[in-house]
Amino acid sequence: MGIATGKWERHECRSENGILYATGLFVPLVGSPEFGYQSGPPETLSSLLSRRAGEWIEVDTLCRSLEPGSGVVVEAGGGFFEGEGFVAVAGPPGGGLIWVLHLSNSEAFTAVAVDGSEIVAVAEEYPSRNEFRIPLREPHLLYVRSTRHL
């Protein structure tokens, strides 16, 4: 079991904006729900830990999706600080972590579902509603539709 998987079993993930894979690869994300996100150059978790070792945070699951036939379990929710959100994908029930996305500026995710080859995750805090469409196999290519309630 790798570091990312072990931490996820305790519902902990990195505090950086990005995607952490169970393999130990980290892909940083820069941006916001309103303007979209771009992925930065991937790096290994060991490289990230050598610079900032202690920045693991606990997260709380607020919603879960187990879609028959999708082969994955998706959990989503928020972190300790206001504005934080995460989406995690694991293998079938009892399977391990595949990847976890953490964003410090998304708001907590309150709804999640699998739609074909994408995850649809909603983060909503009045007056904003952000619908994230995240490809299961290439989560760094996520797309966000952001709306504001008037």
N, C-alpha and C. Protein backbone atom coordinates (compact mmCIF):
# COMPACT_ATOMS: atom_id res chain seq x y z
N MET A 1 0.85 -1.18 0.00
CA MET A 1 0.00 0.00 0.00
C MET A 1 0.90 1.24 0.00
N GLY A 2 0.56 2.20 -0.87
CA GLY A 2 1.32 3.43 -0.94
C GLY A 2 0.87 4.45 0.09
N ILE A 3 1.59 5.55 0.16
CA ILE A 3 1.27 6.62 1.11
C ILE A 3 -0.12 7.18 0.85
N ALA A 4 -0.44 7.47 -0.41
CA ALA A 4 -1.73 8.07 -0.74
C ALA A 4 -2.88 7.16 -0.32
N THR A 5 -2.75 5.88 -0.58
CA THR A 5 -3.79 4.92 -0.21
C THR A 5 -3.94 4.82 1.30
N GLY A 6 -2.82 4.75 2.00
CA GLY A 6 -2.86 4.68 3.46
C GLY A 6 -3.50 5.91 4.08
N LYS A 7 -3.15 7.07 3.57
CA LYS A 7 -3.76 8.30 4.08
C LYS A 7 -5.25 8.34 3.76
N TRP A 8 -5.63 7.88 2.55
CA TRP A 8 -7.04 7.92 2.19
C TRP A 8 -7.87 7.00 3.09
N GLU A 9 -7.31 5.89 3.51
CA GLU A 9 -8.05 5.00 4.42
C GLU A 9 -8.43 5.71 5.71
N ARG A 10 -7.69 6.77 6.06
CA ARG A 10 -8.01 7.60 7.24
C ARG A 10 -8.76 8.87 6.82
N HIS A 11 -9.22 8.90 5.58
CA HIS A 11 -9.90 10.07 4.99
C HIS A 11 -9.04 11.33 5.10
N GLU A 12 -7.81 11.20 4.66
CA GLU A 12 -6.89 12.33 4.59
C GLU A 12 -6.41 12.47 3.15
N CYS A 13 -6.23 13.73 2.74
CA CYS A 13 -5.65 13.99 1.43
C CYS A 13 -4.74 15.20 1.53
N ARG A 14 -4.00 15.47 0.47
CA ARG A 14 -3.11 16.63 0.45
C ARG A 14 -3.93 17.91 0.41
N SER A 15 -3.37 18.98 0.98
CA SER A 15 -4.08 20.25 1.01
C SER A 15 -3.90 21.06 -0.27
N GLU A 16 -3.00 20.66 -1.13
CA GLU A 16 -2.79 21.38 -2.39
C GLU A 16 -3.96 21.19 -3.33
N ASN A 17 -4.15 22.16 -4.23
CA ASN A 17 -5.13 22.03 -5.30
C ASN A 17 -4.56 21.07 -6.34
N GLY A 18 -5.23 19.95 -6.52
CA GLY A 18 -4.76 19.01 -7.52
C GLY A 18 -5.33 17.62 -7.33
N ILE A 19 -4.77 16.70 -8.10
CA ILE A 19 -5.22 15.31 -8.11
C ILE A 19 -4.07 14.44 -7.65
N LEU A 20 -4.32 13.64 -6.64
CA LEU A 20 -3.34 12.69 -6.13
C LEU A 20 -3.80 11.29 -6.51
N TYR A 21 -2.97 10.59 -7.25
CA TYR A 21 -3.26 9.22 -7.66
C TYR A 21 -2.70 8.24 -6.65
N ALA A 22 -3.33 7.08 -6.56
CA ALA A 22 -2.86 6.03 -5.65
C ALA A 22 -1.43 5.61 -5.98
N THR A 23 -1.02 5.81 -7.22
CA THR A 23 0.32 5.44 -7.66
C THR A 23 1.40 6.36 -7.10
N GLY A 24 0.98 7.48 -6.48
CA GLY A 24 1.94 8.43 -5.94
C GLY A 24 2.23 9.59 -6.88
N LEU A 25 1.49 9.73 -7.96
CA LEU A 25 1.65 10.86 -8.88
C LEU A 25 0.71 11.98 -8.44
N PHE A 26 1.20 13.21 -8.45
CA PHE A 26 0.38 14.37 -8.11
C PHE A 26 0.35 15.31 -9.31
N VAL A 27 -0.86 15.74 -9.70
CA VAL A 27 -1.03 16.70 -10.80
C VAL A 27 -1.65 17.96 -10.21
N PRO A 28 -0.88 19.06 -10.12
CA PRO A 28 -1.43 20.30 -9.56
C PRO A 28 -2.44 20.94 -10.51
N LEU A 29 -3.41 21.63 -9.93
CA LEU A 29 -4.40 22.37 -10.70
C LEU A 29 -4.37 23.83 -10.27
N VAL A 30 -4.45 24.71 -11.25
CA VAL A 30 -4.47 26.14 -11.00
C VAL A 30 -5.74 26.70 -11.62
N GLY A 31 -6.45 27.54 -10.89
CA GLY A 31 -7.64 28.17 -11.44
C GLY A 31 -8.72 28.33 -10.39
N SER A 32 -9.95 28.43 -10.88
CA SER A 32 -11.10 28.62 -10.01
C SER A 32 -12.33 28.05 -10.72
N PRO A 33 -13.41 27.81 -9.97
CA PRO A 33 -14.63 27.32 -10.63
C PRO A 33 -15.15 28.27 -11.69
N GLU A 34 -15.04 29.57 -11.45
CA GLU A 34 -15.58 30.56 -12.40
C GLU A 34 -14.79 30.61 -13.71
N PHE A 35 -13.48 30.40 -13.64
CA PHE A 35 -12.64 30.57 -14.83
C PHE A 35 -12.04 29.26 -15.33
N GLY A 36 -12.30 28.17 -14.65
CA GLY A 36 -11.78 26.87 -15.05
C GLY A 36 -10.43 26.57 -14.43
N TYR A 37 -9.97 25.37 -14.66
CA TYR A 37 -8.70 24.90 -14.08
C TYR A 37 -7.79 24.41 -15.19
N GLN A 38 -6.49 24.60 -14.97
CA GLN A 38 -5.47 24.07 -15.86
C GLN A 38 -4.54 23.21 -15.02
N SER A 39 -4.10 22.10 -15.62
CA SER A 39 -3.19 21.23 -14.89
C SER A 39 -1.76 21.67 -15.12
N GLY A 40 -0.98 21.53 -14.08
CA GLY A 40 0.44 21.81 -14.15
C GLY A 40 1.22 20.54 -14.40
N PRO A 41 2.54 20.64 -14.40
CA PRO A 41 3.35 19.45 -14.65
C PRO A 41 3.22 18.45 -13.50
N PRO A 42 3.02 17.17 -13.82
CA PRO A 42 2.92 16.15 -12.78
C PRO A 42 4.23 16.03 -12.01
N GLU A 43 4.11 15.61 -10.76
CA GLU A 43 5.30 15.33 -9.96
C GLU A 43 4.99 14.17 -9.03
N THR A 44 6.03 13.57 -8.52
CA THR A 44 5.82 12.44 -7.63
C THR A 44 5.46 12.94 -6.24
N LEU A 45 4.73 12.12 -5.52
CA LEU A 45 4.38 12.47 -4.14
C LEU A 45 5.64 12.61 -3.29
N SER A 46 6.64 11.79 -3.54
CA SER A 46 7.88 11.91 -2.75
C SER A 46 8.55 13.26 -2.97
N SER A 47 8.51 13.78 -4.19
CA SER A 47 9.06 15.11 -4.46
C SER A 47 8.26 16.19 -3.72
N LEU A 48 6.94 16.06 -3.77
CA LEU A 48 6.07 17.00 -3.07
C LEU A 48 6.33 16.95 -1.55
N LEU A 49 6.45 15.75 -1.01
CA LEU A 49 6.69 15.59 0.43
C LEU A 49 8.04 16.13 0.85
N SER A 50 9.02 16.10 -0.03
CA SER A 50 10.34 16.62 0.33
C SER A 50 10.31 18.14 0.53
N ARG A 51 9.34 18.81 -0.11
CA ARG A 51 9.20 20.26 0.04
C ARG A 51 8.21 20.63 1.14
N ARG A 52 7.11 19.88 1.25
CA ARG A 52 6.05 20.21 2.21
C ARG A 52 5.49 18.91 2.79
N ALA A 53 6.11 18.41 3.80
CA ALA A 53 5.78 17.08 4.32
C ALA A 53 4.47 17.01 5.09
N GLY A 54 4.10 18.04 5.83
CA GLY A 54 3.02 17.89 6.78
C GLY A 54 1.65 18.36 6.38
N GLU A 55 1.41 18.62 5.11
CA GLU A 55 0.16 19.25 4.70
C GLU A 55 -0.91 18.25 4.27
N TRP A 56 -1.22 17.30 5.15
CA TRP A 56 -2.33 16.37 4.94
C TRP A 56 -3.50 16.90 5.74
N ILE A 57 -4.70 16.79 5.18
CA ILE A 57 -5.88 17.29 5.88
C ILE A 57 -6.95 16.20 5.94
N GLU A 58 -7.78 16.27 6.97
CA GLU A 58 -8.92 15.37 7.06
C GLU A 58 -10.06 15.94 6.24
N VAL A 59 -10.82 15.05 5.61
CA VAL A 59 -11.98 15.46 4.84
C VAL A 59 -13.20 14.67 5.30
N ASP A 60 -14.37 15.27 5.12
CA ASP A 60 -15.63 14.65 5.52
C ASP A 60 -16.47 14.33 4.29
N THR A 61 -16.89 13.09 4.19
CA THR A 61 -17.74 12.67 3.08
C THR A 61 -19.16 13.16 3.31
N LEU A 62 -19.71 13.88 2.33
CA LEU A 62 -21.08 14.37 2.39
C LEU A 62 -22.00 13.64 1.43
N CYS A 63 -21.43 12.98 0.42
CA CYS A 63 -22.24 12.25 -0.55
C CYS A 63 -21.40 11.14 -1.16
N ARG A 64 -22.09 10.16 -1.70
CA ARG A 64 -21.43 8.97 -2.25
C ARG A 64 -22.25 8.45 -3.42
N SER A 65 -21.57 7.85 -4.37
CA SER A 65 -22.26 7.26 -5.51
C SER A 65 -21.64 5.90 -5.82
N LEU A 66 -22.49 4.91 -5.87
CA LEU A 66 -22.09 3.58 -6.30
C LEU A 66 -23.03 3.20 -7.43
N GLU A 67 -22.59 3.42 -8.65
CA GLU A 67 -23.42 3.17 -9.82
C GLU A 67 -23.16 1.75 -10.31
N PRO A 68 -24.19 0.90 -10.33
CA PRO A 68 -23.99 -0.45 -10.87
C PRO A 68 -23.45 -0.37 -12.29
N GLY A 69 -22.47 -1.17 -12.57
CA GLY A 69 -21.89 -1.19 -13.91
C GLY A 69 -20.73 -0.23 -14.11
N SER A 70 -20.59 0.79 -13.26
CA SER A 70 -19.48 1.74 -13.44
C SER A 70 -18.18 1.16 -12.91
N GLY A 71 -18.27 0.26 -11.94
CA GLY A 71 -17.06 -0.34 -11.38
C GLY A 71 -16.31 0.54 -10.42
N VAL A 72 -16.90 1.68 -10.04
CA VAL A 72 -16.23 2.58 -9.11
C VAL A 72 -17.18 3.05 -8.01
N VAL A 73 -16.57 3.46 -6.92
CA VAL A 73 -17.28 4.13 -5.83
C VAL A 73 -16.73 5.55 -5.78
N VAL A 74 -17.61 6.53 -5.76
CA VAL A 74 -17.19 7.93 -5.73
C VAL A 74 -17.68 8.55 -4.43
N GLU A 75 -16.78 9.21 -3.71
CA GLU A 75 -17.13 9.95 -2.51
C GLU A 75 -16.77 11.41 -2.74
N ALA A 76 -17.55 12.29 -2.12
CA ALA A 76 -17.26 13.72 -2.25
C ALA A 76 -17.69 14.42 -0.98
N GLY A 77 -17.14 15.59 -0.75
CA GLY A 77 -17.49 16.35 0.44
C GLY A 77 -16.60 17.56 0.61
N GLY A 78 -16.26 17.84 1.87
CA GLY A 78 -15.50 19.04 2.17
C GLY A 78 -14.41 18.79 3.18
N GLY A 79 -13.62 19.82 3.40
CA GLY A 79 -12.53 19.77 4.36
C GLY A 79 -12.81 20.64 5.56
N PHE A 80 -11.77 20.84 6.36
CA PHE A 80 -11.88 21.60 7.59
C PHE A 80 -12.16 23.08 7.33
N PHE A 81 -11.52 23.63 6.30
CA PHE A 81 -11.66 25.06 6.01
C PHE A 81 -12.80 25.32 5.05
N GLU A 82 -13.45 26.46 5.23
CA GLU A 82 -14.52 26.86 4.33
C GLU A 82 -13.98 26.95 2.91
N GLY A 83 -14.75 26.48 1.97
CA GLY A 83 -14.36 26.55 0.57
C GLY A 83 -13.70 25.29 0.04
N GLU A 84 -13.22 24.41 0.92
CA GLU A 84 -12.55 23.19 0.47
C GLU A 84 -13.55 22.15 -0.01
N GLY A 85 -13.15 21.42 -1.04
CA GLY A 85 -13.95 20.32 -1.52
C GLY A 85 -13.07 19.21 -2.05
N PHE A 86 -13.60 18.00 -2.05
CA PHE A 86 -12.84 16.88 -2.60
C PHE A 86 -13.79 15.91 -3.31
N VAL A 87 -13.23 15.19 -4.27
CA VAL A 87 -13.90 14.08 -4.94
C VAL A 87 -12.88 12.95 -4.99
N ALA A 88 -13.27 11.77 -4.54
CA ALA A 88 -12.37 10.61 -4.55
C ALA A 88 -13.02 9.46 -5.29
N VAL A 89 -12.21 8.75 -6.05
CA VAL A 89 -12.67 7.59 -6.80
C VAL A 89 -11.90 6.36 -6.33
N ALA A 90 -12.65 5.31 -5.99
CA ALA A 90 -12.05 4.05 -5.58
C ALA A 90 -12.61 2.94 -6.46
N GLY A 91 -11.93 1.79 -6.42
CA GLY A 91 -12.40 0.62 -7.16
C GLY A 91 -13.71 0.12 -6.59
N PRO A 92 -14.19 -0.99 -7.07
CA PRO A 92 -15.46 -1.54 -6.57
C PRO A 92 -15.43 -1.65 -5.05
N PRO A 93 -16.60 -1.78 -4.41
CA PRO A 93 -16.61 -1.87 -2.94
C PRO A 93 -15.52 -2.80 -2.44
N GLY A 94 -14.74 -2.28 -1.51
CA GLY A 94 -13.61 -3.03 -1.00
C GLY A 94 -12.33 -2.76 -1.78
N GLY A 95 -12.45 -2.08 -2.93
CA GLY A 95 -11.29 -1.74 -3.74
C GLY A 95 -10.60 -0.51 -3.18
N GLY A 96 -9.40 -0.27 -3.61
CA GLY A 96 -8.62 0.84 -3.08
C GLY A 96 -8.80 2.12 -3.87
N LEU A 97 -8.21 3.16 -3.34
CA LEU A 97 -8.22 4.48 -3.95
C LEU A 97 -7.62 4.42 -5.36
N ILE A 98 -8.25 5.15 -6.28
CA ILE A 98 -7.69 5.34 -7.62
C ILE A 98 -7.10 6.74 -7.71
N TRP A 99 -7.91 7.75 -7.36
CA TRP A 99 -7.42 9.13 -7.28
C TRP A 99 -8.33 9.96 -6.39
N VAL A 100 -7.78 11.07 -5.88
CA VAL A 100 -8.56 12.02 -5.10
C VAL A 100 -8.22 13.43 -5.57
N LEU A 101 -9.25 14.21 -5.83
CA LEU A 101 -9.14 15.61 -6.24
C LEU A 101 -9.42 16.47 -5.02
N HIS A 102 -8.54 17.42 -4.73
CA HIS A 102 -8.79 18.38 -3.65
C HIS A 102 -8.68 19.78 -4.22
N LEU A 103 -9.65 20.64 -3.86
CA LEU A 103 -9.63 22.05 -4.27
C LEU A 103 -9.94 22.90 -3.04
N SER A 104 -9.18 23.95 -2.86
CA SER A 104 -9.40 24.83 -1.71
C SER A 104 -10.42 25.92 -2.00
N ASN A 105 -10.85 26.04 -3.27
CA ASN A 105 -11.75 27.14 -3.62
C ASN A 105 -13.00 26.67 -4.36
N SER A 106 -13.41 25.45 -4.15
CA SER A 106 -14.57 24.92 -4.88
C SER A 106 -15.86 24.98 -4.07
N GLU A 107 -15.77 25.05 -2.76
CA GLU A 107 -16.83 24.78 -1.78
C GLU A 107 -16.96 23.27 -1.66
N ALA A 108 -17.63 22.83 -0.61
CA ALA A 108 -17.82 21.40 -0.38
C ALA A 108 -18.74 20.83 -1.46
N PHE A 109 -18.46 19.61 -1.87
CA PHE A 109 -19.29 18.93 -2.85
C PHE A 109 -20.46 18.29 -2.10
N THR A 110 -21.67 18.56 -2.57
CA THR A 110 -22.88 18.10 -1.88
C THR A 110 -23.68 17.07 -2.68
N ALA A 111 -23.30 16.83 -3.92
CA ALA A 111 -23.95 15.82 -4.75
C ALA A 111 -22.93 15.26 -5.72
N VAL A 112 -23.01 13.96 -5.96
CA VAL A 112 -22.08 13.32 -6.88
C VAL A 112 -22.77 12.14 -7.55
N ALA A 113 -22.46 11.93 -8.84
CA ALA A 113 -23.01 10.81 -9.59
C ALA A 113 -22.04 10.45 -10.71
N VAL A 114 -22.17 9.23 -11.20
CA VAL A 114 -21.40 8.80 -12.36
C VAL A 114 -22.32 8.87 -13.57
N ASP A 115 -21.86 9.54 -14.62
CA ASP A 115 -22.63 9.69 -15.85
C ASP A 115 -21.76 9.19 -17.00
N GLY A 116 -21.90 7.92 -17.32
CA GLY A 116 -21.06 7.33 -18.36
C GLY A 116 -19.61 7.29 -17.92
N SER A 117 -18.75 7.99 -18.65
CA SER A 117 -17.32 8.00 -18.33
C SER A 117 -16.92 9.24 -17.53
N GLU A 118 -17.90 9.96 -17.00
CA GLU A 118 -17.61 11.17 -16.22
C GLU A 118 -18.25 11.10 -14.85
N ILE A 119 -17.66 11.84 -13.95
CA ILE A 119 -18.26 12.08 -12.64
C ILE A 119 -18.87 13.47 -12.71
N VAL A 120 -20.09 13.59 -12.22
CA VAL A 120 -20.74 14.90 -12.11
C VAL A 120 -20.79 15.19 -10.61
N ALA A 121 -20.11 16.25 -10.20
CA ALA A 121 -20.05 16.62 -8.79
C ALA A 121 -20.49 18.07 -8.65
N VAL A 122 -21.39 18.33 -7.70
CA VAL A 122 -21.93 19.67 -7.51
C VAL A 122 -21.44 20.23 -6.19
N ALA A 123 -20.89 21.44 -6.27
CA ALA A 123 -20.46 22.19 -5.08
C ALA A 123 -21.30 23.47 -5.08
N GLU A 124 -22.06 23.63 -4.03
CA GLU A 124 -23.00 24.75 -4.02
C GLU A 124 -22.98 25.44 -2.66
N GLU A 125 -22.78 26.73 -2.72
CA GLU A 125 -22.85 27.60 -1.54
C GLU A 125 -23.39 28.93 -2.05
N TYR A 126 -24.57 29.32 -1.57
CA TYR A 126 -25.23 30.52 -2.07
C TYR A 126 -24.25 31.69 -2.10
N PRO A 127 -24.15 32.42 -3.17
CA PRO A 127 -25.01 32.42 -4.35
C PRO A 127 -24.45 31.59 -5.52
N SER A 128 -23.41 30.80 -5.30
CA SER A 128 -22.77 30.08 -6.41
C SER A 128 -23.15 28.61 -6.47
N ARG A 129 -23.24 28.11 -7.69
CA ARG A 129 -23.43 26.67 -7.92
C ARG A 129 -22.42 26.26 -8.98
N ASN A 130 -21.56 25.31 -8.63
CA ASN A 130 -20.52 24.85 -9.54
C ASN A 130 -20.73 23.37 -9.85
N GLU A 131 -20.96 23.08 -11.13
CA GLU A 131 -21.12 21.70 -11.56
C GLU A 131 -19.83 21.27 -12.25
N PHE A 132 -19.15 20.32 -11.64
CA PHE A 132 -17.89 19.79 -12.16
C PHE A 132 -18.19 18.52 -12.96
N ARG A 133 -17.64 18.44 -14.16
CA ARG A 133 -17.70 17.22 -14.97
C ARG A 133 -16.25 16.74 -15.06
N ILE A 134 -16.02 15.58 -14.47
CA ILE A 134 -14.64 15.09 -14.30
C ILE A 134 -14.50 13.74 -15.01
N PRO A 135 -13.70 13.66 -16.07
CA PRO A 135 -13.49 12.37 -16.73
C PRO A 135 -12.85 11.37 -15.76
N LEU A 136 -13.43 10.18 -15.67
CA LEU A 136 -12.92 9.17 -14.75
C LEU A 136 -11.46 8.83 -15.01
N ARG A 137 -11.09 8.69 -16.27
CA ARG A 137 -9.74 8.26 -16.61
C ARG A 137 -8.74 9.41 -16.78
N GLU A 138 -9.23 10.61 -16.93
CA GLU A 138 -8.35 11.78 -17.09
C GLU A 138 -8.91 12.95 -16.28
N PRO A 139 -8.89 12.83 -14.96
CA PRO A 139 -9.54 13.85 -14.13
C PRO A 139 -8.94 15.25 -14.27
N HIS A 140 -7.71 15.36 -14.73
CA HIS A 140 -7.09 16.68 -14.92
C HIS A 140 -7.76 17.46 -16.05
N LEU A 141 -8.61 16.81 -16.84
CA LEU A 141 -9.34 17.48 -17.92
C LEU A 141 -10.73 17.92 -17.48
N LEU A 142 -10.90 18.14 -16.19
CA LEU A 142 -12.22 18.51 -15.66
C LEU A 142 -12.72 19.81 -16.26
N TYR A 143 -14.04 19.91 -16.29
CA TYR A 143 -14.72 21.09 -16.80
C TYR A 143 -15.71 21.55 -15.74
N VAL A 144 -15.84 22.87 -15.56
CA VAL A 144 -16.75 23.41 -14.54
C VAL A 144 -17.74 24.36 -15.19
N ARG A 145 -19.00 24.17 -14.84
CA ARG A 145 -20.04 25.13 -15.23
C ARG A 145 -20.45 25.86 -13.95
N SER A 146 -20.17 27.14 -13.90
CA SER A 146 -20.42 27.93 -12.71
C SER A 146 -21.57 28.88 -12.96
N THR A 147 -22.56 28.88 -12.04
CA THR A 147 -23.68 29.81 -12.16
C THR A 147 -23.87 30.51 -10.83
N ARG A 148 -24.52 31.65 -10.90
CA ARG A 148 -24.82 32.42 -9.67
C ARG A 148 -26.32 32.63 -9.58
N HIS A 149 -26.84 32.41 -8.38
CA HIS A 149 -28.25 32.67 -8.12
C HIS A 149 -28.43 34.17 -7.88
N LEU A 150 -29.47 34.73 -8.38
CA LEU A 150 -29.72 36.16 -8.18
C LEU A 150 -30.78 36.38 -7.15
